[in-house]
Amino acid sequence: MFNAYIQDPKMLQNLNDLGYVSMTPIQKACIPLALEGKDLVAKAKTGSGKTAAFGLPLLLSLHVNSMRIQSVVLCPTRELAEQVSAELRRLARFAHNIKIVTLCGGARFVPQCINLEHGAHIVVGTPGRILQHLQEKTINFEQIKTLVLDEADRMLDMGFYEDIEKIITKMPSKRQTLLFSATFPKEIERMCHEVQHNALHVSIDEEATTSSNIAQVCYTVEASEKEEALKGVLLQSDAKSVIIFCKTKVGVAELQGYLVDEGFDALSLHGDLEQIDRDEHLLLFANGSAQILVATDLASRGLDIKDVEMVINYELPQTMEIYTHRIGRTGRMGKEGLAVSFVTPREESFFEELEEANFTFTCKSISDINPTQSKPKKAQYITLCIDAGKKQKLRAGDILGTLTKDLGLEGKCIGKIDILEKYSYVAIAREYTDKAFEGLCATTIKNRRFKIWKLG
C-alpha cells in the first residue's frame, strides 16, 4: 500500500480517487529509495507503472512556493512526453499550483517560451527541444534537484546521447538522477557511470509482469494465407481495440488499405505520418472511434494506449525484446489480454526461440478460425472535431454541458473528450452522432460559434 511510504493525506486521497489501490512491483521497489534521495537505475517496461514510481517522489520533493524548475523528465518521443506530463498532472492534483510544462519538437517554439516565462516546477520533454531552449537561454536548470531519464535505451537508439550530455552540463552536479530502461546495453552502463553517483539497481522480472495475464495464440500459415486468416481472426473476435503489428511502413499502409476495403475501421501509425496525423489516429483509436490500429514498432513502446484487448503480430518481429514490448500493449494494469501471432515457415526458427524462452503458446491452424460474424462491426463511437481548444479557453465541461443541457443528449452517449491546443475532440455514440453534429453546428459553446466536423 502507498501509505507505507507516503504520509501526505491529500496525496493518498488523490491516489485513491485515481484508482491507485495497490503498488506495482516497480513502484514498490523504487518509491522508498527515491524518497531517500538515492540515484536509481531501474529496469522497467512501458505499462509497469513507472511514471508513478518516479513521479510521486518527484512531486513530494517540490517546493511549490518557488516557481523555479526543480525537476526534468527526458523522454525519447513527443507522445511519451505528453503522456508522462498528463499522468504527472493527475498525480499532482493533491496540491494547488504545481505547474508542469511539456517541451517537445513538432510544437511551436515561441508559445513554449511564453509558457516558460510564467514559471514552472517540472519540465517534461524530448532532448532536442529542451537543448534548443537551453541554447536560446529561455530556460534555466540551475535549481534542478531531480533528473529522470525515461526509456533511456530508446533515447540512445535515437541518437540523443550527446544532447543528453549537453543538457546535464547545465544542471547542478549535486542532484538526484533516476534512470529507467527496458534493456541494458553497454551504452546504458556507460551513461549510468557518467551521470549518476552510487546508483542503486532495481530490476523487475519482466516475464512475470508482462506475460502472466496475456493469452498467447499462434497460427501456422503460409504467407499467401495471411490476409484471409487475419480477416477471420478479427471476425471471430469481440475485441473493440486491436493493434496489428507489421515490420515496415509499406506493410502497414498495404494492410490498413486491405482492412478498410474489407469494411473494418482501421487506422495506421508509422514514422512517415505527419505529427498531426499521428496524434489524430492515436486519439481516434484511444476514444473508440476506430477498432484497429495497424502499426510499426513505433507503437510497441512509449505510447500509453489503454485497454487494448488484442495484439496481433501479423509479421513476427526480429528480436525477443520487441516481441515482449508488442504483446505488452495488451493485458495492462492486471487486465486479461490476448496476443495472436501468425507464423510462416520462414519465421519458425524465431518462434522456436520464443518457446525456448518460456513464452507459452496455444498453437492452432487456420482451419481453427471460425468467424462468428459475416461482416465487421462498426466502431462504437464517431468523433466530432471542434475548431477551438485550450487557446480559446475551451474546457471539457463546456462541451459536455452543451451536449447534455442544450442538446438533450444523455451522458452515456458521450465518450472521451480531448482538449488540445487549437482543437477539441468529443466521441459520440454512433447512433447519436447526427443529432450531436447538427446540434453543435446550430448552437453556440460558451456563447461562441465554432466549426464542427466529423472524423472517420
Protein backbone atom coordinates (compact mmCIF):
# COMPACT_ATOMS: atom_id res chain seq x y z
CA MET A 1 0.00 0.00 0.00
CA PHE A 2 1.14 3.56 -0.75
CA ASN A 3 0.59 4.68 2.86
CA ALA A 4 3.57 2.54 3.89
CA TYR A 5 5.85 5.10 2.21
CA ILE A 6 3.72 8.23 1.70
CA GLN A 7 2.33 10.17 4.66
CA ASP A 8 0.72 13.11 2.86
CA PRO A 9 -3.05 12.51 3.37
CA LYS A 10 -4.03 14.66 0.37
CA MET A 11 -1.76 12.69 -1.96
CA LEU A 12 -3.09 9.39 -0.59
CA GLN A 13 -6.67 10.55 -1.12
CA ASN A 14 -5.86 11.62 -4.68
CA LEU A 15 -4.23 8.25 -5.40
CA ASN A 16 -7.33 6.51 -4.11
CA ASP A 17 -9.55 8.75 -6.29
CA LEU A 18 -7.40 7.89 -9.33
CA GLY A 19 -7.74 4.16 -8.70
CA TYR A 20 -4.22 3.54 -7.39
CA VAL A 21 -5.22 0.80 -4.97
CA SER A 22 -2.02 -1.22 -4.68
CA MET A 23 1.57 -0.67 -5.77
CA THR A 24 3.04 -2.33 -8.83
CA PRO A 25 6.39 -4.13 -8.38
CA ILE A 26 8.38 -1.24 -9.88
CA GLN A 27 6.61 1.28 -7.62
CA LYS A 28 7.21 -0.82 -4.53
CA ALA A 29 10.90 -1.14 -5.39
CA CYS A 30 11.59 2.45 -6.45
CA ILE A 31 9.43 4.78 -4.36
CA PRO A 32 11.08 4.24 -0.94
CA LEU A 33 14.59 4.53 -2.41
CA ALA A 34 13.73 7.60 -4.48
CA LEU A 35 12.17 9.26 -1.42
CA GLU A 36 15.51 8.78 0.35
CA GLY A 37 17.17 10.75 -2.45
CA LYS A 38 19.08 7.81 -3.93
CA ASP A 39 20.13 7.63 -7.56
CA LEU A 40 18.38 4.69 -9.25
CA VAL A 41 18.86 2.53 -12.30
CA ALA A 42 15.59 0.71 -12.88
CA LYS A 43 14.76 -1.95 -15.42
CA ALA A 44 11.13 -1.39 -16.30
CA LYS A 45 8.91 -1.53 -19.34
CA THR A 46 6.08 0.72 -20.52
CA GLY A 47 2.89 -0.13 -18.66
CA SER A 48 4.62 -1.22 -15.44
CA GLY A 49 3.58 1.89 -13.53
CA LYS A 50 6.98 3.56 -13.74
CA THR A 51 5.60 7.09 -14.17
CA ALA A 52 4.16 6.95 -10.66
CA ALA A 53 7.35 5.21 -9.47
CA PHE A 54 9.38 8.34 -10.21
CA GLY A 55 6.51 10.84 -10.29
CA LEU A 56 5.33 10.51 -6.70
CA PRO A 57 8.76 11.08 -5.09
CA LEU A 58 9.40 13.89 -7.56
CA LEU A 59 6.14 15.66 -6.63
CA LEU A 60 6.66 15.20 -2.89
CA SER A 61 10.10 16.84 -3.09
CA LEU A 62 8.85 20.03 -4.78
CA HIS A 63 8.96 23.44 -3.13
CA VAL A 64 5.70 24.64 -4.64
CA ASN A 65 6.12 28.24 -3.46
CA SER A 66 9.29 28.55 -5.52
CA MET A 67 8.46 28.97 -9.22
CA ARG A 68 11.78 27.54 -10.33
CA ILE A 69 12.28 24.44 -12.45
CA GLN A 70 13.19 21.77 -9.91
CA SER A 71 12.77 18.54 -11.90
CA VAL A 72 13.28 17.48 -15.51
CA VAL A 73 11.99 14.33 -17.20
CA LEU A 74 13.62 13.45 -20.54
CA CYS A 75 11.66 11.17 -22.90
CA PRO A 76 12.51 9.78 -26.34
CA THR A 77 9.32 10.86 -28.14
CA ARG A 78 6.73 13.58 -28.07
CA GLU A 79 3.98 11.03 -27.47
CA LEU A 80 5.65 9.61 -24.36
CA ALA A 81 6.47 13.09 -23.05
CA GLU A 82 2.85 14.17 -23.37
CA GLN A 83 1.62 11.02 -21.65
CA VAL A 84 4.11 11.43 -18.80
CA SER A 85 3.03 15.07 -18.42
CA ALA A 86 -0.64 14.08 -18.35
CA GLU A 87 -0.06 11.44 -15.70
CA LEU A 88 2.07 13.75 -13.56
CA ARG A 89 -0.70 16.36 -13.68
CA ARG A 90 -3.20 13.76 -12.47
CA LEU A 91 -0.86 12.75 -9.65
CA ALA A 92 -0.28 16.44 -8.80
CA ARG A 93 -3.96 17.15 -8.10
CA PHE A 94 -3.32 16.70 -4.37
CA ALA A 95 -1.65 20.14 -4.27
CA HIS A 96 -2.55 23.51 -5.76
CA ASN A 97 -0.45 25.41 -8.28
CA ILE A 98 2.00 22.71 -9.35
CA LYS A 99 2.96 23.72 -12.88
CA ILE A 100 4.21 21.13 -15.37
CA VAL A 101 5.43 22.27 -18.80
CA THR A 102 5.87 19.98 -21.80
CA LEU A 103 8.63 20.87 -24.30
CA CYS A 104 8.77 18.79 -27.48
CA GLY A 105 9.66 19.20 -31.11
CA GLY A 106 6.76 19.35 -33.55
CA ALA A 107 5.21 22.16 -31.49
CA ARG A 108 5.79 25.89 -31.99
CA PHE A 109 8.82 27.25 -30.12
CA VAL A 110 7.61 30.77 -29.23
CA PRO A 111 4.46 29.70 -27.33
CA GLN A 112 6.68 27.39 -25.27
CA CYS A 113 8.91 30.36 -24.42
CA ILE A 114 5.90 32.41 -23.32
CA ASN A 115 4.72 29.49 -21.18
CA LEU A 116 8.14 29.24 -19.51
CA GLU A 117 8.16 32.95 -18.70
CA HIS A 118 5.32 32.33 -16.24
CA GLY A 119 7.47 29.82 -14.34
CA ALA A 120 7.32 26.06 -13.87
CA HIS A 121 8.16 23.38 -11.32
CA ILE A 122 8.63 20.41 -13.64
CA VAL A 123 9.68 20.20 -17.29
CA VAL A 124 8.94 17.11 -19.35
CA GLY A 125 10.23 16.88 -22.89
CA THR A 126 12.44 15.49 -25.61
CA PRO A 127 16.21 16.10 -25.52
CA GLY A 128 16.38 18.01 -28.82
CA ARG A 129 13.78 20.63 -27.94
CA ILE A 130 14.97 21.06 -24.34
CA LEU A 131 18.53 21.58 -25.58
CA GLN A 132 17.23 24.21 -28.01
CA HIS A 133 15.64 26.10 -25.12
CA LEU A 134 18.89 25.93 -23.15
CA GLN A 135 20.85 27.25 -26.13
CA GLU A 136 18.35 30.08 -26.62
CA LYS A 137 18.55 30.81 -22.86
CA THR A 138 14.77 30.56 -22.49
CA ILE A 139 15.13 28.05 -19.66
CA ASN A 140 17.29 27.74 -16.54
CA PHE A 141 18.28 24.46 -14.92
CA GLU A 142 20.42 25.83 -12.08
CA GLN A 143 17.87 24.79 -9.43
CA ILE A 144 17.34 21.23 -10.66
CA LYS A 145 17.06 18.68 -7.86
CA THR A 146 15.91 15.62 -9.82
CA LEU A 147 16.60 14.40 -13.35
CA VAL A 148 14.62 11.48 -14.79
CA LEU A 149 15.77 9.65 -17.91
CA ASP A 150 12.72 7.72 -19.09
CA GLU A 151 13.25 4.90 -21.60
CA ALA A 152 16.95 5.71 -21.68
CA ASP A 153 17.79 2.84 -24.04
CA ARG A 154 15.39 4.18 -26.63
CA MET A 155 16.83 7.69 -26.34
CA LEU A 156 20.27 6.26 -27.09
CA ASP A 157 18.90 4.26 -30.03
CA MET A 158 17.54 7.53 -31.43
CA GLY A 159 20.93 9.24 -31.16
CA PHE A 160 20.22 11.55 -28.21
CA TYR A 161 23.34 10.72 -26.17
CA GLU A 162 25.24 13.94 -26.99
CA ASP A 163 22.13 16.08 -26.44
CA ILE A 164 21.62 14.50 -23.03
CA GLU A 165 25.26 15.14 -22.10
CA LYS A 166 24.92 18.81 -23.07
CA ILE A 167 21.70 19.16 -21.07
CA ILE A 168 23.31 17.64 -17.97
CA THR A 169 26.19 20.15 -18.09
CA LYS A 170 23.59 22.88 -17.43
CA MET A 171 22.41 21.18 -14.21
CA PRO A 172 23.93 21.08 -10.73
CA SER A 173 26.28 18.15 -10.26
CA LYS A 174 24.65 17.52 -6.89
CA ARG A 175 21.24 16.20 -7.89
CA GLN A 176 19.24 13.00 -7.90
CA THR A 177 19.19 11.06 -11.19
CA LEU A 178 16.64 8.33 -11.86
CA LEU A 179 17.22 6.25 -14.98
CA PHE A 180 14.59 3.88 -16.38
CA SER A 181 15.33 1.48 -19.21
CA ALA A 182 13.83 -1.70 -20.60
CA THR A 183 17.23 -3.06 -21.67
CA PHE A 184 20.80 -2.53 -20.50
CA PRO A 185 23.29 -2.41 -23.39
CA LYS A 186 26.82 -1.21 -22.72
CA GLU A 187 25.89 2.35 -23.70
CA ILE A 188 23.41 2.47 -20.82
CA GLU A 189 26.05 1.22 -18.37
CA ARG A 190 28.37 3.94 -19.62
CA MET A 191 25.66 6.58 -19.19
CA CYS A 192 24.90 5.42 -15.65
CA HIS A 193 28.58 5.66 -14.75
CA GLU A 194 28.87 9.19 -16.16
CA VAL A 195 25.66 10.83 -14.89
CA GLN A 196 24.93 9.08 -11.57
CA HIS A 197 26.51 8.72 -8.14
CA ASN A 198 26.46 5.37 -6.33
CA ALA A 199 23.25 4.40 -8.09
CA LEU A 200 21.17 1.53 -6.75
CA HIS A 201 19.93 -1.03 -9.28
CA VAL A 202 16.32 -2.20 -9.39
CA SER A 203 15.21 -4.95 -11.76
CA ILE A 204 11.70 -6.30 -12.17
CA ASP A 205 11.15 -9.78 -13.61
CA GLU A 206 9.70 -8.74 -16.98
CA GLU A 207 8.32 -12.14 -17.88
CA ALA A 208 6.32 -12.32 -14.67
CA THR A 209 4.88 -8.82 -15.09
CA THR A 210 4.31 -8.98 -18.85
CA SER A 211 3.05 -12.40 -19.83
CA SER A 212 1.15 -13.98 -16.95
CA ASN A 213 -2.23 -12.43 -17.82
CA ILE A 214 -1.79 -12.47 -21.61
CA ALA A 215 -3.06 -15.50 -23.53
CA GLN A 216 -0.71 -16.14 -26.46
CA VAL A 217 -2.02 -17.90 -29.56
CA CYS A 218 -0.13 -18.72 -32.75
CA TYR A 219 -1.47 -19.72 -36.17
CA THR A 220 0.75 -21.58 -38.62
CA VAL A 221 0.09 -20.03 -42.05
CA GLU A 222 1.58 -19.64 -45.48
CA ALA A 223 2.37 -16.05 -46.46
CA SER A 224 -0.38 -16.15 -49.09
CA GLU A 225 -2.97 -17.09 -46.44
CA LYS A 226 -2.25 -14.29 -44.02
CA GLU A 227 -4.78 -11.69 -45.14
CA GLU A 228 -7.69 -14.12 -45.11
CA ALA A 229 -6.55 -15.58 -41.78
CA LEU A 230 -6.35 -12.10 -40.26
CA LYS A 231 -9.83 -11.26 -41.52
CA GLY A 232 -11.15 -14.47 -39.95
CA VAL A 233 -9.49 -13.81 -36.58
CA LEU A 234 -10.94 -10.30 -36.48
CA LEU A 235 -14.44 -11.52 -37.43
CA GLN A 236 -14.44 -14.17 -34.72
CA SER A 237 -13.29 -11.73 -32.03
CA ASP A 238 -15.37 -9.35 -29.94
CA ALA A 239 -12.34 -7.15 -29.21
CA LYS A 240 -13.14 -3.45 -29.51
CA SER A 241 -9.48 -2.40 -29.64
CA VAL A 242 -6.81 -4.25 -31.63
CA ILE A 243 -3.24 -3.30 -32.53
CA ILE A 244 -1.78 -5.16 -35.53
CA PHE A 245 2.00 -5.04 -35.95
CA CYS A 246 3.93 -5.11 -39.22
CA LYS A 247 7.67 -4.71 -39.75
CA THR A 248 7.65 -1.92 -42.34
CA LYS A 249 5.81 1.31 -43.16
CA VAL A 250 4.90 -0.09 -46.58
CA GLY A 251 3.49 -3.22 -44.95
CA VAL A 252 1.41 -1.10 -42.57
CA ALA A 253 -0.01 1.02 -45.40
CA GLU A 254 -0.90 -2.01 -47.53
CA LEU A 255 -2.52 -3.94 -44.69
CA GLN A 256 -4.52 -0.94 -43.48
CA GLY A 257 -5.77 -0.41 -47.03
CA TYR A 258 -6.83 -4.06 -47.26
CA LEU A 259 -8.73 -3.90 -43.95
CA VAL A 260 -10.53 -0.69 -44.91
CA ASP A 261 -11.54 -2.29 -48.22
CA GLU A 262 -12.93 -5.22 -46.24
CA GLY A 263 -15.07 -2.87 -44.13
CA PHE A 264 -13.00 -2.60 -40.94
CA ASP A 265 -12.47 0.68 -39.08
CA ALA A 266 -8.67 0.64 -39.31
CA LEU A 267 -6.11 3.40 -38.91
CA SER A 268 -2.33 3.36 -39.38
CA LEU A 269 0.62 4.50 -37.30
CA HIS A 270 4.15 4.72 -38.67
CA GLY A 271 7.10 7.10 -38.90
CA ASP A 272 6.17 8.69 -42.23
CA LEU A 273 2.94 10.16 -40.91
CA GLU A 274 2.88 13.86 -40.11
CA GLN A 275 2.75 14.54 -36.37
CA ILE A 276 -0.78 15.94 -36.58
CA ASP A 277 -1.97 12.73 -38.31
CA ARG A 278 -0.21 10.52 -35.77
CA ASP A 279 -1.83 12.43 -32.93
CA GLU A 280 -5.26 12.21 -34.55
CA HIS A 281 -5.01 8.48 -35.31
CA LEU A 282 -3.97 7.74 -31.74
CA LEU A 283 -6.77 9.88 -30.37
CA LEU A 284 -9.41 8.17 -32.55
CA PHE A 285 -8.16 4.73 -31.57
CA ALA A 286 -7.98 5.59 -27.88
CA ASN A 287 -11.51 7.01 -27.76
CA GLY A 288 -13.16 4.07 -29.51
CA SER A 289 -13.77 5.69 -32.91
CA ALA A 290 -11.56 3.10 -34.62
CA GLN A 291 -11.25 -0.52 -33.55
CA ILE A 292 -7.98 -1.32 -35.28
CA LEU A 293 -4.57 0.37 -35.33
CA VAL A 294 -2.07 -1.07 -37.83
CA ALA A 295 1.40 -0.06 -36.73
CA THR A 296 5.12 -0.49 -36.98
CA ASP A 297 7.08 -0.96 -33.77
CA LEU A 298 6.84 2.79 -33.23
CA ALA A 299 3.69 1.87 -31.26
CA SER A 300 5.15 -1.00 -29.26
CA ARG A 301 6.92 1.28 -26.79
CA GLY A 302 6.35 4.66 -25.29
CA LEU A 303 2.68 5.05 -26.19
CA ASP A 304 0.26 4.75 -23.33
CA ILE A 305 -2.73 3.30 -25.19
CA LYS A 306 -5.02 1.92 -22.50
CA ASP A 307 -7.42 -1.02 -22.71
CA VAL A 308 -6.05 -2.72 -25.82
CA GLU A 309 -7.88 -6.04 -25.85
CA MET A 310 -5.85 -7.84 -28.52
CA VAL A 311 -2.46 -7.55 -30.19
CA ILE A 312 -1.78 -9.30 -33.49
CA ASN A 313 1.72 -9.99 -34.78
CA TYR A 314 0.88 -10.03 -38.47
CA GLU A 315 4.63 -10.24 -39.00
CA LEU A 316 6.83 -11.52 -36.21
CA PRO A 317 9.49 -9.04 -35.02
CA GLN A 318 13.22 -9.58 -35.31
CA THR A 319 14.01 -9.76 -31.59
CA MET A 320 12.53 -11.24 -28.46
CA GLU A 321 12.66 -7.84 -26.79
CA ILE A 322 10.42 -6.29 -29.46
CA TYR A 323 8.02 -9.22 -29.19
CA THR A 324 7.78 -8.62 -25.44
CA HIS A 325 7.07 -4.93 -25.92
CA ARG A 326 4.48 -5.62 -28.59
CA ILE A 327 2.41 -8.03 -26.53
CA GLY A 328 2.85 -5.73 -23.54
CA ARG A 329 0.43 -3.32 -25.20
CA THR A 330 -2.40 -5.60 -24.02
CA GLY A 331 -3.17 -7.12 -20.62
CA ARG A 332 -2.15 -3.95 -18.77
CA MET A 333 -2.88 -2.97 -15.17
CA GLY A 334 -3.88 -6.55 -14.34
CA LYS A 335 -6.46 -6.94 -17.11
CA GLU A 336 -6.69 -10.01 -19.33
CA GLY A 337 -5.12 -9.66 -22.79
CA LEU A 338 -4.76 -11.70 -25.98
CA ALA A 339 -1.74 -11.82 -28.28
CA VAL A 340 -2.12 -13.57 -31.64
CA SER A 341 0.85 -14.35 -33.89
CA PHE A 342 0.91 -15.58 -37.48
CA VAL A 343 3.91 -17.83 -38.10
CA THR A 344 5.06 -18.60 -41.65
CA PRO A 345 7.62 -21.33 -42.47
CA ARG A 346 10.33 -18.63 -42.75
CA GLU A 347 9.60 -17.45 -39.19
CA GLU A 348 9.56 -20.82 -37.47
CA SER A 349 13.14 -20.56 -36.14
CA PHE A 350 12.37 -17.31 -34.30
CA PHE A 351 9.14 -18.77 -32.98
CA GLU A 352 11.10 -21.72 -31.59
CA GLU A 353 13.37 -19.22 -29.79
CA LEU A 354 10.31 -17.70 -28.14
CA GLU A 355 9.16 -21.11 -26.94
CA GLU A 356 12.63 -21.88 -25.58
CA ALA A 357 12.47 -18.59 -23.66
CA ASN A 358 9.38 -19.88 -21.81
CA PHE A 359 6.74 -17.98 -23.74
CA THR A 360 3.71 -20.26 -23.64
CA PHE A 361 1.57 -20.54 -26.77
CA THR A 362 -1.61 -22.29 -27.82
CA CYS A 363 -0.84 -23.36 -31.39
CA LYS A 364 -3.61 -23.56 -33.98
CA SER A 365 -4.08 -23.85 -37.74
CA ILE A 366 -6.21 -21.64 -39.96
CA SER A 367 -8.86 -24.38 -40.04
CA ASP A 368 -9.50 -23.49 -36.38
CA ILE A 369 -10.61 -19.98 -37.33
CA ASN A 370 -14.42 -19.80 -37.24
CA PRO A 371 -15.78 -16.29 -37.89
CA THR A 372 -18.87 -15.56 -35.79
CA GLN A 373 -19.99 -12.65 -37.97
CA SER A 374 -20.15 -12.13 -41.72
CA LYS A 375 -19.05 -8.50 -41.74
CA PRO A 376 -17.12 -6.24 -39.35
CA LYS A 377 -18.91 -4.41 -36.58
CA LYS A 378 -18.52 -0.66 -36.74
CA ALA A 379 -16.66 1.26 -34.06
CA GLN A 380 -18.75 2.25 -31.05
CA TYR A 381 -18.08 5.97 -31.42
CA ILE A 382 -17.66 8.63 -34.08
CA THR A 383 -15.52 11.64 -33.20
CA LEU A 384 -16.56 15.24 -33.74
CA CYS A 385 -13.81 17.85 -34.02
CA ILE A 386 -14.41 21.39 -32.76
CA ASP A 387 -12.36 24.28 -34.11
CA ALA A 388 -11.31 25.51 -30.65
CA GLY A 389 -9.15 24.28 -27.81
CA LYS A 390 -7.06 25.41 -24.86
CA LYS A 391 -6.05 28.56 -26.71
CA GLN A 392 -9.72 29.61 -26.75
CA LYS A 393 -10.06 28.53 -23.09
CA LEU A 394 -12.47 25.76 -24.04
CA ARG A 395 -12.95 23.08 -21.37
CA ALA A 396 -14.36 19.57 -21.46
CA GLY A 397 -17.18 20.74 -19.16
CA ASP A 398 -18.21 23.37 -21.70
CA ILE A 399 -18.66 20.75 -24.41
CA LEU A 400 -20.35 18.28 -22.10
CA GLY A 401 -22.76 20.93 -20.84
CA THR A 402 -23.73 21.98 -24.35
CA LEU A 403 -24.36 18.38 -25.42
CA THR A 404 -26.40 17.42 -22.35
CA LYS A 405 -28.18 20.59 -21.22
CA ASP A 406 -28.65 22.36 -24.56
CA LEU A 407 -28.97 19.43 -26.96
CA GLY A 408 -30.53 16.89 -24.59
CA LEU A 409 -28.03 14.03 -25.07
CA GLU A 410 -27.64 11.60 -22.18
CA GLY A 411 -24.21 11.34 -20.60
CA LYS A 412 -23.92 7.66 -21.60
CA CYS A 413 -23.98 8.72 -25.29
CA ILE A 414 -20.85 10.84 -24.85
CA GLY A 415 -17.42 9.26 -24.77
CA LYS A 416 -13.96 10.70 -24.25
CA ILE A 417 -13.42 14.44 -24.63
CA ASP A 418 -9.90 15.63 -25.54
CA ILE A 419 -8.96 19.31 -25.41
CA LEU A 420 -5.80 20.11 -27.39
CA GLU A 421 -4.17 23.46 -28.05
CA LYS A 422 -6.24 24.51 -31.07
CA TYR A 423 -8.84 21.76 -31.44
CA SER A 424 -11.16 19.71 -29.26
CA TYR A 425 -12.46 16.20 -29.91
CA VAL A 426 -15.54 14.51 -28.50
CA ALA A 427 -16.50 10.88 -29.10
CA ILE A 428 -20.25 10.38 -29.62
CA ALA A 429 -22.05 7.03 -29.67
CA ARG A 430 -22.56 6.19 -33.35
CA GLU A 431 -26.39 6.28 -33.30
CA TYR A 432 -26.40 9.80 -31.78
CA THR A 433 -23.67 11.35 -33.94
CA ASP A 434 -26.00 13.11 -36.39
CA LYS A 435 -28.02 14.65 -33.57
CA ALA A 436 -24.85 15.89 -31.84
CA PHE A 437 -23.28 17.14 -35.07
CA GLU A 438 -26.36 19.01 -36.29
CA GLY A 439 -26.99 20.41 -32.81
CA LEU A 440 -23.43 21.68 -32.33
CA CYS A 441 -23.47 23.26 -35.81
CA ALA A 442 -26.66 25.10 -34.95
CA THR A 443 -25.79 26.29 -31.44
CA THR A 444 -23.01 28.02 -29.53
CA ILE A 445 -20.47 26.85 -26.96
CA LYS A 446 -19.64 29.49 -24.36
CA ASN A 447 -21.70 31.93 -26.47
CA ARG A 448 -19.46 31.40 -29.49
CA ARG A 449 -19.95 29.51 -32.74
CA PHE A 450 -17.24 27.13 -33.87
CA LYS A 451 -16.71 24.99 -36.95
CA ILE A 452 -17.63 21.32 -36.35
CA TRP A 453 -16.74 18.33 -38.50
CA LYS A 454 -16.85 14.55 -38.31
CA LEU A 455 -13.71 12.42 -38.34
CA GLY A 456 -13.61 8.98 -39.90
